[in-house]
Amino acid sequence: MKTSDLVFIGIKGSVIALDRVTGTQVWAIHLRGSGFVNILVQPDAILACCYGEVFCLDPLTGQGRWQNPLTGFGYGLATIAVEGQSETGVATALAEQRRRSEESAAAASSTAAA
């Protein structure tokens, strides 16, 4: 199996690999927390950020290669970039930030109305 045979999903503090043809789960790993996971797929690694940490995973097994707690930077949304990659991670993180802001505004509005 090759990295190109898989689809990678970041959800609720986890990364999941699915077979691109069948949709069958190949592996899953819980990283940390239960929030948004930003992932960047490379031929030889999956980079994932969640809950203020960055992880490097083996794309075929999900096994962790290394992690960095990004000490001192908090738990907010993070983007991942490497040379030659598109900026889709930035757009995804911005969309998640916008969703969270709208959710907070709606909650505040409903509390004020009550």
PDB file of N, CA and C in Angstrom:
ATOM      1  N   MET A   1       0.844  -1.181   0.000  1.00  0.00           N
ATOM      2  CA  MET A   1       0.000   0.000   0.000  1.00  0.00           C
ATOM      3  C   MET A   1       0.890   1.246   0.000  1.00  0.00           C
ATOM      4  N   LYS A   2       0.404   2.304  -0.675  1.00  0.00           N
ATOM      5  CA  LYS A   2       1.127   3.576  -0.757  1.00  0.00           C
ATOM      6  C   LYS A   2       0.280   4.664  -0.113  1.00  0.00           C
ATOM      7  N   THR A   3       0.929   5.756   0.254  1.00  0.00           N
ATOM      8  CA  THR A   3       0.226   6.890   0.835  1.00  0.00           C
ATOM      9  C   THR A   3      -0.890   7.358  -0.095  1.00  0.00           C
ATOM     10  N   SER A   4      -0.658   7.300  -1.393  1.00  0.00           N
ATOM     11  CA  SER A   4      -1.664   7.745  -2.360  1.00  0.00           C
ATOM     12  C   SER A   4      -2.891   6.834  -2.395  1.00  0.00           C
ATOM     13  N   ASP A   5      -2.819   5.660  -1.763  1.00  0.00           N
ATOM     14  CA  ASP A   5      -3.959   4.746  -1.686  1.00  0.00           C
ATOM     15  C   ASP A   5      -4.887   5.094  -0.525  1.00  0.00           C
ATOM     16  N   LEU A   6      -4.515   6.088   0.274  1.00  0.00           N
ATOM     17  CA  LEU A   6      -5.249   6.409   1.489  1.00  0.00           C
ATOM     18  C   LEU A   6      -5.830   7.813   1.464  1.00  0.00           C
ATOM     19  N   VAL A   7      -6.872   8.011   2.253  1.00  0.00           N
ATOM     20  CA  VAL A   7      -7.477   9.309   2.509  1.00  0.00           C
ATOM     21  C   VAL A   7      -7.313   9.549   4.004  1.00  0.00           C
ATOM     22  N   PHE A   8      -6.855  10.729   4.392  1.00  0.00           N
ATOM     23  CA  PHE A   8      -6.592  11.022   5.791  1.00  0.00           C
ATOM     24  C   PHE A   8      -7.600  12.034   6.312  1.00  0.00           C
ATOM     25  N   ILE A   9      -8.155  11.743   7.489  1.00  0.00           N
ATOM     26  CA  ILE A   9      -9.170  12.573   8.106  1.00  0.00           C
ATOM     27  C   ILE A   9      -8.662  13.012   9.476  1.00  0.00           C
ATOM     28  N   GLY A  10      -8.779  14.300   9.784  1.00  0.00           N
ATOM     29  CA  GLY A  10      -8.479  14.804  11.114  1.00  0.00           C
ATOM     30  C   GLY A  10      -9.791  15.161  11.783  1.00  0.00           C
ATOM     31  N   ILE A  11     -10.079  14.541  12.937  1.00  0.00           N
ATOM     32  CA  ILE A  11     -11.351  14.780  13.608  1.00  0.00           C
ATOM     33  C   ILE A  11     -11.237  14.505  15.107  1.00  0.00           C
ATOM     34  N   LYS A  12     -11.755  15.405  15.909  1.00  0.00           N
ATOM     35  CA  LYS A  12     -11.845  15.245  17.359  1.00  0.00           C
ATOM     36  C   LYS A  12     -10.580  14.692  17.998  1.00  0.00           C
ATOM     37  N   GLY A  13      -9.454  15.323  17.721  1.00  0.00           N
ATOM     38  CA  GLY A  13      -8.199  14.931  18.350  1.00  0.00           C
ATOM     39  C   GLY A  13      -7.582  13.664  17.786  1.00  0.00           C
ATOM     40  N   SER A  14      -8.098  13.174  16.666  1.00  0.00           N
ATOM     41  CA  SER A  14      -7.618  11.924  16.071  1.00  0.00           C
ATOM     42  C   SER A  14      -7.306  12.093  14.592  1.00  0.00           C
ATOM     43  N   VAL A  15      -6.479  11.183  14.074  1.00  0.00           N
ATOM     44  CA  VAL A  15      -6.247  11.084  12.639  1.00  0.00           C
ATOM     45  C   VAL A  15      -6.649   9.670  12.230  1.00  0.00           C
ATOM     46  N   ILE A  16      -7.385   9.591  11.138  1.00  0.00           N
ATOM     47  CA  ILE A  16      -7.884   8.319  10.634  1.00  0.00           C
ATOM     48  C   ILE A  16      -7.454   8.181   9.188  1.00  0.00           C
ATOM     49  N   ALA A  17      -6.999   6.980   8.811  1.00  0.00           N
ATOM     50  CA  ALA A  17      -6.659   6.687   7.420  1.00  0.00           C
ATOM     51  C   ALA A  17      -7.701   5.725   6.861  1.00  0.00           C
ATOM     52  N   LEU A  18      -8.250   6.080   5.707  1.00  0.00           N
ATOM     53  CA  LEU A  18      -9.229   5.237   5.031  1.00  0.00           C
ATOM     54  C   LEU A  18      -8.683   4.794   3.691  1.00  0.00           C
ATOM     55  N   ASP A  19      -9.054   3.588   3.294  1.00  0.00           N
ATOM     56  CA  ASP A  19      -8.700   3.105   1.962  1.00  0.00           C
ATOM     57  C   ASP A  19      -9.437   3.972   0.951  1.00  0.00           C
ATOM     58  N   ARG A  20      -8.725   4.543   0.003  1.00  0.00           N
ATOM     59  CA  ARG A  20      -9.301   5.473  -0.977  1.00  0.00           C
ATOM     60  C   ARG A  20     -10.386   4.818  -1.834  1.00  0.00           C
ATOM     61  N   VAL A  21     -10.280   3.527  -2.113  1.00  0.00           N
ATOM     62  CA  VAL A  21     -11.230   2.837  -2.986  1.00  0.00           C
ATOM     63  C   VAL A  21     -12.453   2.339  -2.222  1.00  0.00           C
ATOM     64  N   THR A  22     -12.241   1.712  -1.064  1.00  0.00           N
ATOM     65  CA  THR A  22     -13.339   1.069  -0.345  1.00  0.00           C
ATOM     66  C   THR A  22     -13.899   1.895   0.806  1.00  0.00           C
ATOM     67  N   GLY A  23     -13.120   2.869   1.307  1.00  0.00           N
ATOM     68  CA  GLY A  23     -13.545   3.638   2.471  1.00  0.00           C
ATOM     69  C   GLY A  23     -13.325   2.913   3.785  1.00  0.00           C
ATOM     70  N   THR A  24     -12.730   1.732   3.728  1.00  0.00           N
ATOM     71  CA  THR A  24     -12.454   0.950   4.933  1.00  0.00           C
ATOM     72  C   THR A  24     -11.366   1.623   5.762  1.00  0.00           C
ATOM     73  N   GLN A  25     -11.570   1.638   7.074  1.00  0.00           N
ATOM     74  CA  GLN A  25     -10.562   2.215   7.959  1.00  0.00           C
ATOM     75  C   GLN A  25      -9.316   1.334   7.974  1.00  0.00           C
ATOM     76  N   VAL A  26      -8.168   1.937   7.718  1.00  0.00           N
ATOM     77  CA  VAL A  26      -6.889   1.231   7.724  1.00  0.00           C
ATOM     78  C   VAL A  26      -6.229   1.372   9.091  1.00  0.00           C
ATOM     79  N   TRP A  27      -6.252   2.580   9.642  1.00  0.00           N
ATOM     80  CA  TRP A  27      -5.742   2.818  10.991  1.00  0.00           C
ATOM     81  C   TRP A  27      -6.358   4.085  11.554  1.00  0.00           C
ATOM     82  N   ALA A  28      -6.271   4.221  12.865  1.00  0.00           N
ATOM     83  CA  ALA A  28      -6.723   5.431  13.551  1.00  0.00           C
ATOM     84  C   ALA A  28      -5.839   5.616  14.773  1.00  0.00           C
ATOM     85  N   ILE A  29      -5.555   6.865  15.097  1.00  0.00           N
ATOM     86  CA  ILE A  29      -4.759   7.176  16.282  1.00  0.00           C
ATOM     87  C   ILE A  29      -5.333   8.417  16.938  1.00  0.00           C
ATOM     88  N   HIS A  30      -5.508   8.336  18.251  1.00  0.00           N
ATOM     89  CA  HIS A  30      -5.936   9.509  19.010  1.00  0.00           C
ATOM     90  C   HIS A  30      -4.678  10.247  19.432  1.00  0.00           C
ATOM     91  N   LEU A  31      -4.605  11.529  19.102  1.00  0.00           N
ATOM     92  CA  LEU A  31      -3.425  12.323  19.405  1.00  0.00           C
ATOM     93  C   LEU A  31      -3.553  13.020  20.745  1.00  0.00           C
ATOM     94  N   ARG A  32      -4.523  13.930  20.845  1.00  0.00           N
ATOM     95  CA  ARG A  32      -4.695  14.679  22.078  1.00  0.00           C
ATOM     96  C   ARG A  32      -5.944  15.527  21.973  1.00  0.00           C
ATOM     97  N   GLY A  33      -6.596  15.739  23.079  1.00  0.00           N
ATOM     98  CA  GLY A  33      -7.763  16.604  23.107  1.00  0.00           C
ATOM     99  C   GLY A  33      -8.937  16.009  22.347  1.00  0.00           C
ATOM    100  N   SER A  34      -9.895  16.879  22.031  1.00  0.00           N
ATOM    101  CA  SER A  34     -11.075  16.412  21.302  1.00  0.00           C
ATOM    102  C   SER A  34     -11.529  17.428  20.272  1.00  0.00           C
ATOM    103  N   GLY A  35     -10.617  18.293  19.841  1.00  0.00           N
ATOM    104  CA  GLY A  35     -11.000  19.347  18.916  1.00  0.00           C
ATOM    105  C   GLY A  35     -10.478  19.150  17.513  1.00  0.00           C
ATOM    106  N   PHE A  36     -10.419  20.253  16.816  1.00  0.00           N
ATOM    107  CA  PHE A  36      -9.997  20.322  15.419  1.00  0.00           C
ATOM    108  C   PHE A  36      -8.567  19.791  15.243  1.00  0.00           C
ATOM    109  N   VAL A  37      -8.358  19.002  14.210  1.00  0.00           N
ATOM    110  CA  VAL A  37      -7.023  18.484  13.876  1.00  0.00           C
ATOM    111  C   VAL A  37      -6.676  18.952  12.475  1.00  0.00           C
ATOM    112  N   ASN A  38      -5.607  19.713  12.353  1.00  0.00           N
ATOM    113  CA  ASN A  38      -5.104  20.156  11.055  1.00  0.00           C
ATOM    114  C   ASN A  38      -4.053  19.149  10.610  1.00  0.00           C
ATOM    115  N   ILE A  39      -4.180  18.629   9.387  1.00  0.00           N
ATOM    116  CA  ILE A  39      -3.205  17.650   8.904  1.00  0.00           C
ATOM    117  C   ILE A  39      -2.604  18.086   7.577  1.00  0.00           C
ATOM    118  N   LEU A  40      -1.384  17.659   7.364  1.00  0.00           N
ATOM    119  CA  LEU A  40      -0.673  17.899   6.116  1.00  0.00           C
ATOM    120  C   LEU A  40      -0.110  16.561   5.676  1.00  0.00           C
ATOM    121  N   VAL A  41      -0.478  16.140   4.480  1.00  0.00           N
ATOM    122  CA  VAL A  41      -0.043  14.846   3.956  1.00  0.00           C
ATOM    123  C   VAL A  41       1.167  15.044   3.064  1.00  0.00           C
ATOM    124  N   GLN A  42       2.201  14.285   3.353  1.00  0.00           N
ATOM    125  CA  GLN A  42       3.387  14.243   2.517  1.00  0.00           C
ATOM    126  C   GLN A  42       3.614  12.782   2.132  1.00  0.00           C
ATOM    127  N   PRO A  43       4.393  12.512   1.096  1.00  0.00           N
ATOM    128  CA  PRO A  43       4.582  11.113   0.685  1.00  0.00           C
ATOM    129  C   PRO A  43       5.140  10.213   1.789  1.00  0.00           C
ATOM    130  N   ASP A  44       5.976  10.779   2.657  1.00  0.00           N
ATOM    131  CA  ASP A  44       6.623   9.946   3.667  1.00  0.00           C
ATOM    132  C   ASP A  44       6.215  10.279   5.095  1.00  0.00           C
ATOM    133  N   ALA A  45       5.250  11.171   5.294  1.00  0.00           N
ATOM    134  CA  ALA A  45       4.851  11.548   6.653  1.00  0.00           C
ATOM    135  C   ALA A  45       3.501  12.250   6.648  1.00  0.00           C
ATOM    136  N   ILE A  46       2.810  12.127   7.769  1.00  0.00           N
ATOM    137  CA  ILE A  46       1.605  12.901   8.034  1.00  0.00           C
ATOM    138  C   ILE A  46       1.961  13.827   9.187  1.00  0.00           C
ATOM    139  N   LEU A  47       1.788  15.127   8.997  1.00  0.00           N
ATOM    140  CA  LEU A  47       1.997  16.092  10.067  1.00  0.00           C
ATOM    141  C   LEU A  47       0.618  16.519  10.548  1.00  0.00           C
ATOM    142  N   ALA A  48       0.433  16.495  11.853  1.00  0.00           N
ATOM    143  CA  ALA A  48      -0.866  16.838  12.426  1.00  0.00           C
ATOM    144  C   ALA A  48      -0.688  17.770  13.612  1.00  0.00           C
ATOM    145  N   CYS A  49      -1.557  18.782  13.697  1.00  0.00           N
ATOM    146  CA  CYS A  49      -1.559  19.707  14.833  1.00  0.00           C
ATOM    147  C   CYS A  49      -2.914  19.636  15.513  1.00  0.00           C
ATOM    148  N   CYS A  50      -2.879  19.525  16.829  1.00  0.00           N
ATOM    149  CA  CYS A  50      -4.102  19.628  17.607  1.00  0.00           C
ATOM    150  C   CYS A  50      -3.756  19.926  19.052  1.00  0.00           C
ATOM    151  N   TYR A  51      -4.617  20.656  19.697  1.00  0.00           N
ATOM    152  CA  TYR A  51      -4.505  20.977  21.115  1.00  0.00           C
ATOM    153  C   TYR A  51      -3.106  21.453  21.493  1.00  0.00           C
ATOM    154  N   GLY A  52      -2.530  22.284  20.652  1.00  0.00           N
ATOM    155  CA  GLY A  52      -1.248  22.896  20.956  1.00  0.00           C
ATOM    156  C   GLY A  52      -0.028  22.022  20.766  1.00  0.00           C
ATOM    157  N   GLU A  53      -0.159  20.913  20.059  1.00  0.00           N
ATOM    158  CA  GLU A  53       0.986  20.041  19.792  1.00  0.00           C
ATOM    159  C   GLU A  53       1.043  19.696  18.313  1.00  0.00           C
ATOM    160  N   VAL A  54       2.238  19.376  17.849  1.00  0.00           N
ATOM    161  CA  VAL A  54       2.410  18.907  16.479  1.00  0.00           C
ATOM    162  C   VAL A  54       2.962  17.487  16.540  1.00  0.00           C
ATOM    163  N   PHE A  55       2.445  16.626  15.645  1.00  0.00           N
ATOM    164  CA  PHE A  55       2.806  15.215  15.601  1.00  0.00           C
ATOM    165  C   PHE A  55       3.263  14.849  14.197  1.00  0.00           C
ATOM    166  N   CYS A  56       4.222  13.952  14.104  1.00  0.00           N
ATOM    167  CA  CYS A  56       4.640  13.372  12.832  1.00  0.00           C
ATOM    168  C   CYS A  56       4.291  11.892  12.883  1.00  0.00           C
ATOM    169  N   LEU A  57       3.497  11.442  11.913  1.00  0.00           N
ATOM    170  CA  LEU A  57       3.022  10.059  11.885  1.00  0.00           C
ATOM    171  C   LEU A  57       3.494   9.339  10.633  1.00  0.00           C
ATOM    172  N   ASP A  58       3.676   8.034  10.758  1.00  0.00           N
ATOM    173  CA  ASP A  58       3.941   7.198   9.588  1.00  0.00           C
ATOM    174  C   ASP A  58       2.629   7.090   8.815  1.00  0.00           C
ATOM    175  N   PRO A  59       2.600   7.440   7.525  1.00  0.00           N
ATOM    176  CA  PRO A  59       1.335   7.455   6.788  1.00  0.00           C
ATOM    177  C   PRO A  59       0.716   6.073   6.566  1.00  0.00           C
ATOM    178  N   LEU A  60       1.498   5.020   6.600  1.00  0.00           N
ATOM    179  CA  LEU A  60       0.960   3.684   6.336  1.00  0.00           C
ATOM    180  C   LEU A  60       0.481   2.971   7.599  1.00  0.00           C
ATOM    181  N   THR A  61       1.007   3.364   8.767  1.00  0.00           N
ATOM    182  CA  THR A  61       0.652   2.667  10.003  1.00  0.00           C
ATOM    183  C   THR A  61       0.007   3.563  11.049  1.00  0.00           C
ATOM    184  N   GLY A  62       0.220   4.866  10.956  1.00  0.00           N
ATOM    185  CA  GLY A  62      -0.261   5.790  11.970  1.00  0.00           C
ATOM    186  C   GLY A  62       0.648   5.873  13.178  1.00  0.00           C
ATOM    187  N   GLN A  63       1.695   5.093  13.176  1.00  0.00           N
ATOM    188  CA  GLN A  63       2.617   5.090  14.306  1.00  0.00           C
ATOM    189  C   GLN A  63       3.301   6.449  14.434  1.00  0.00           C
ATOM    190  N   GLY A  64       3.379   6.949  15.668  1.00  0.00           N
ATOM    191  CA  GLY A  64       4.016   8.233  15.911  1.00  0.00           C
ATOM    192  C   GLY A  64       5.520   8.153  15.725  1.00  0.00           C
ATOM    193  N   ARG A  65       6.071   9.114  15.008  1.00  0.00           N
ATOM    194  CA  ARG A  65       7.521   9.210  14.830  1.00  0.00           C
ATOM    195  C   ARG A  65       8.115  10.199  15.818  1.00  0.00           C
ATOM    196  N   TRP A  66       7.428  11.335  16.000  1.00  0.00           N
ATOM    197  CA  TRP A  66       7.845  12.327  16.979  1.00  0.00           C
ATOM    198  C   TRP A  66       6.681  13.253  17.261  1.00  0.00           C
ATOM    199  N   GLN A  67       6.816  14.011  18.346  1.00  0.00           N
ATOM    200  CA  GLN A  67       5.837  15.042  18.660  1.00  0.00           C
ATOM    201  C   GLN A  67       6.550  16.179  19.372  1.00  0.00           C
ATOM    202  N   ASN A  68       5.947  17.366  19.259  1.00  0.00           N
ATOM    203  CA  ASN A  68       6.501  18.540  19.901  1.00  0.00           C
ATOM    204  C   ASN A  68       5.342  19.259  20.580  1.00  0.00           C
ATOM    205  N   PRO A  69       5.423  19.495  21.902  1.00  0.00           N
ATOM    206  CA  PRO A  69       4.316  20.128  22.610  1.00  0.00           C
ATOM    207  C   PRO A  69       4.177  21.633  22.361  1.00  0.00           C
ATOM    208  N   LEU A  70       5.091  22.226  21.583  1.00  0.00           N
ATOM    209  CA  LEU A  70       5.031  23.657  21.284  1.00  0.00           C
ATOM    210  C   LEU A  70       4.829  24.464  22.562  1.00  0.00           C
ATOM    211  N   THR A  71       5.604  24.138  23.565  1.00  0.00           N
ATOM    212  CA  THR A  71       5.512  24.740  24.888  1.00  0.00           C
ATOM    213  C   THR A  71       5.503  26.265  24.810  1.00  0.00           C
ATOM    214  N   GLY A  72       4.544  26.843  25.499  1.00  0.00           N
ATOM    215  CA  GLY A  72       4.450  28.291  25.594  1.00  0.00           C
ATOM    216  C   GLY A  72       3.584  28.941  24.537  1.00  0.00           C
ATOM    217  N   PHE A  73       3.020  28.164  23.611  1.00  0.00           N
ATOM    218  CA  PHE A  73       2.217  28.745  22.533  1.00  0.00           C
ATOM    219  C   PHE A  73       0.716  28.560  22.703  1.00  0.00           C
ATOM    220  N   GLY A  74       0.277  27.887  23.755  1.00  0.00           N
ATOM    221  CA  GLY A  74      -1.152  27.716  24.003  1.00  0.00           C
ATOM    222  C   GLY A  74      -1.771  26.585  23.217  1.00  0.00           C
ATOM    223  N   TYR A  75      -3.117  26.591  23.176  1.00  0.00           N
ATOM    224  CA  TYR A  75      -3.861  25.474  22.588  1.00  0.00           C
ATOM    225  C   TYR A  75      -4.691  25.859  21.374  1.00  0.00           C
ATOM    226  N   GLY A  76      -4.489  27.022  20.800  1.00  0.00           N
ATOM    227  CA  GLY A  76      -5.304  27.493  19.685  1.00  0.00           C
ATOM    228  C   GLY A  76      -5.057  26.731  18.392  1.00  0.00           C
ATOM    229  N   LEU A  77      -5.770  27.147  17.366  1.00  0.00           N
ATOM    230  CA  LEU A  77      -5.607  26.553  16.038  1.00  0.00           C
ATOM    231  C   LEU A  77      -4.209  26.827  15.510  1.00  0.00           C
ATOM    232  N   ALA A  78      -3.654  25.864  14.808  1.00  0.00           N
ATOM    233  CA  ALA A  78      -2.326  26.021  14.217  1.00  0.00           C
ATOM    234  C   ALA A  78      -2.374  25.559  12.772  1.00  0.00           C
ATOM    235  N   THR A  79      -1.575  26.180  11.940  1.00  0.00           N
ATOM    236  CA  THR A  79      -1.437  25.742  10.557  1.00  0.00           C
ATOM    237  C   THR A  79      -0.079  25.063  10.400  1.00  0.00           C
ATOM    238  N   ILE A  80       0.035  24.269   9.347  1.00  0.00           N
ATOM    239  CA  ILE A  80       1.272  23.557   9.056  1.00  0.00           C
ATOM    240  C   ILE A  80       1.671  23.925   7.628  1.00  0.00           C
ATOM    241  N   ALA A  81       2.936  24.222   7.426  1.00  0.00           N
ATOM    242  CA  ALA A  81       3.414  24.536   6.081  1.00  0.00           C
ATOM    243  C   ALA A  81       4.799  23.940   5.880  1.00  0.00           C
ATOM    244  N   VAL A  82       5.033  23.442   4.690  1.00  0.00           N
ATOM    245  CA  VAL A  82       6.355  22.990   4.276  1.00  0.00           C
ATOM    246  C   VAL A  82       6.586  23.525   2.870  1.00  0.00           C
ATOM    247  N   GLU A  83       7.805  23.636   2.495  1.00  0.00           N
ATOM    248  CA  GLU A  83       8.137  24.151   1.174  1.00  0.00           C
ATOM    249  C   GLU A  83       7.470  23.302   0.086  1.00  0.00           C
ATOM    250  N   GLY A  84       6.863  23.984  -0.871  1.00  0.00           N
ATOM    251  CA  GLY A  84       6.254  23.304  -2.008  1.00  0.00           C
ATOM    252  C   GLY A  84       4.821  22.853  -1.793  1.00  0.00           C
ATOM    253  N   GLN A  85       4.265  23.039  -0.611  1.00  0.00           N
ATOM    254  CA  GLN A  85       2.887  22.632  -0.342  1.00  0.00           C
ATOM    255  C   GLN A  85       1.952  23.800  -0.610  1.00  0.00           C
ATOM    256  N   SER A  86       0.706  23.477  -0.952  1.00  0.00           N
ATOM    257  CA  SER A  86      -0.295  24.529  -1.147  1.00  0.00           C
ATOM    258  C   SER A  86      -0.728  25.062   0.211  1.00  0.00           C
ATOM    259  N   GLU A  87      -1.528  26.110   0.209  1.00  0.00           N
ATOM    260  CA  GLU A  87      -1.960  26.748   1.444  1.00  0.00           C
ATOM    261  C   GLU A  87      -3.323  26.260   1.904  1.00  0.00           C
ATOM    262  N   THR A  88      -3.742  25.039   1.549  1.00  0.00           N
ATOM    263  CA  THR A  88      -5.065  24.567   1.940  1.00  0.00           C
ATOM    264  C   THR A  88      -5.203  24.432   3.441  1.00  0.00           C
ATOM    265  N   GLY A  89      -4.127  24.147   4.160  1.00  0.00           N
ATOM    266  CA  GLY A  89      -4.194  24.051   5.615  1.00  0.00           C
ATOM    267  C   GLY A  89      -4.573  25.371   6.245  1.00  0.00           C
ATOM    268  N   VAL A  90      -4.074  26.460   5.699  1.00  0.00           N
ATOM    269  CA  VAL A  90      -4.403  27.785   6.206  1.00  0.00           C
ATOM    270  C   VAL A  90      -5.891  28.049   6.003  1.00  0.00           C
ATOM    271  N   ALA A  91      -6.399  27.749   4.844  1.00  0.00           N
ATOM    272  CA  ALA A  91      -7.817  27.971   4.555  1.00  0.00           C
ATOM    273  C   ALA A  91      -8.692  27.124   5.474  1.00  0.00           C
ATOM    274  N   THR A  92      -8.301  25.906   5.719  1.00  0.00           N
ATOM    275  CA  THR A  92      -9.056  25.018   6.601  1.00  0.00           C
ATOM    276  C   THR A  92      -9.072  25.556   8.026  1.00  0.00           C
ATOM    277  N   ALA A  93      -7.922  25.977   8.516  1.00  0.00           N
ATOM    278  CA  ALA A  93      -7.841  26.521   9.877  1.00  0.00           C
ATOM    279  C   ALA A  93      -8.662  27.801  10.001  1.00  0.00           C
ATOM    280  N   LEU A  94      -8.616  28.671   8.985  1.00  0.00           N
ATOM    281  CA  LEU A  94      -9.410  29.895   9.014  1.00  0.00           C
ATOM    282  C   LEU A  94     -10.904  29.593   9.013  1.00  0.00           C
ATOM    283  N   ALA A  95     -11.312  28.597   8.245  1.00  0.00           N
ATOM    284  CA  ALA A  95     -12.723  28.205   8.222  1.00  0.00           C
ATOM    285  C   ALA A  95     -13.157  27.681   9.588  1.00  0.00           C
ATOM    286  N   GLU A  96     -12.306  26.910  10.243  1.00  0.00           N
ATOM    287  CA  GLU A  96     -12.625  26.408  11.578  1.00  0.00           C
ATOM    288  C   GLU A  96     -12.698  27.552  12.576  1.00  0.00           C
ATOM    289  N   GLN A  97     -11.791  28.502  12.490  1.00  0.00           N
ATOM    290  CA  GLN A  97     -11.810  29.660  13.384  1.00  0.00           C
ATOM    291  C   GLN A  97     -13.093  30.463  13.185  1.00  0.00           C
ATOM    292  N   ARG A  98     -13.493  30.638  11.936  1.00  0.00           N
ATOM    293  CA  ARG A  98     -14.732  31.368  11.628  1.00  0.00           C
ATOM    294  C   ARG A  98     -15.942  30.623  12.204  1.00  0.00           C
ATOM    295  N   ARG A  99     -15.954  29.297  12.053  1.00  0.00           N
ATOM    296  CA  ARG A  99     -17.054  28.490  12.575  1.00  0.00           C
ATOM    297  C   ARG A  99     -17.152  28.633  14.094  1.00  0.00           C
ATOM    298  N   ARG A 100     -16.012  28.585  14.768  1.00  0.00           N
ATOM    299  CA  ARG A 100     -15.998  28.722  16.228  1.00  0.00           C
ATOM    300  C   ARG A 100     -16.490  30.107  16.660  1.00  0.00           C
ATOM    301  N   SER A 101     -16.097  31.145  15.930  1.00  0.00           N
ATOM    302  CA  SER A 101     -16.535  32.504  16.248  1.00  0.00           C
ATOM    303  C   SER A 101     -18.040  32.641  16.074  1.00  0.00           C
ATOM    304  N   GLU A 102     -18.565  32.084  14.996  1.00  0.00           N
ATOM    305  CA  GLU A 102     -20.002  32.154  14.746  1.00  0.00           C
ATOM    306  C   GLU A 102     -20.770  31.375  15.800  1.00  0.00           C
ATOM    307  N   GLU A 103     -20.232  30.236  16.193  1.00  0.00           N
ATOM    308  CA  GLU A 103     -20.860  29.414  17.225  1.00  0.00           C
ATOM    309  C   GLU A 103     -20.899  30.180  18.558  1.00  0.00           C
ATOM    310  N   SER A 104     -19.805  30.838  18.905  1.00  0.00           N
ATOM    311  CA  SER A 104     -19.744  31.630  20.146  1.00  0.00           C
ATOM    312  C   SER A 104     -20.710  32.803  20.098  1.00  0.00           C
ATOM    313  N   ALA A 105     -20.796  33.465  18.949  1.00  0.00           N
ATOM    314  CA  ALA A 105     -21.699  34.606  18.799  1.00  0.00           C
ATOM    315  C   ALA A 105     -23.160  34.154  18.924  1.00  0.00           C
ATOM    316  N   ALA A 106     -23.488  33.012  18.335  1.00  0.00           N
ATOM    317  CA  ALA A 106     -24.842  32.495  18.417  1.00  0.00           C
ATOM    318  C   ALA A 106     -25.197  32.121  19.853  1.00  0.00           C
ATOM    319  N   ALA A 107     -24.252  31.523  20.573  1.00  0.00           N
ATOM    320  CA  ALA A 107     -24.489  31.149  21.967  1.00  0.00           C
ATOM    321  C   ALA A 107     -24.698  32.392  22.824  1.00  0.00           C
ATOM    322  N   ALA A 108     -23.891  33.424  22.597  1.00  0.00           N
ATOM    323  CA  ALA A 108     -24.020  34.679  23.347  1.00  0.00           C
ATOM    324  C   ALA A 108     -25.363  35.346  23.050  1.00  0.00           C
ATOM    325  N   SER A 109     -25.765  35.305  21.803  1.00  0.00           N
ATOM    326  CA  SER A 109     -27.036  35.913  21.393  1.00  0.00           C
ATOM    327  C   SER A 109     -28.226  35.204  22.036  1.00  0.00           C
ATOM    328  N   SER A 110     -28.197  33.872  22.074  1.00  0.00           N
ATOM    329  CA  SER A 110     -29.299  33.131  22.661  1.00  0.00           C
ATOM    330  C   SER A 110     -29.340  33.300  24.168  1.00  0.00           C
ATOM    331  N   THR A 111     -28.178  33.482  24.810  1.00  0.00           N
ATOM    332  CA  THR A 111     -28.125  33.733  26.248  1.00  0.00           C
ATOM    333  C   THR A 111     -28.691  35.117  26.556  1.00  0.00           C
ATOM    334  N   ALA A 112     -28.350  36.103  25.734  1.00  0.00           N
ATOM    335  CA  ALA A 112     -28.840  37.469  25.929  1.00  0.00           C
ATOM    336  C   ALA A 112     -30.360  37.539  25.719  1.00  0.00           C
ATOM    337  N   ALA A 113     -30.865  36.740  24.784  1.00  0.00           N
ATOM    338  CA  ALA A 113     -32.294  36.744  24.491  1.00  0.00           C
ATOM    339  C   ALA A 113     -33.104  36.096  25.608  1.00  0.00           C
ATOM    340  N   ALA A 114     -32.493  35.203  26.354  1.00  0.00           N
ATOM    341  CA  ALA A 114     -33.204  34.490  27.442  1.00  0.00           C
ATOM    342  C   ALA A 114     -33.274  35.305  28.652  1.00  0.00           C
TER     343      ALA A 114
END
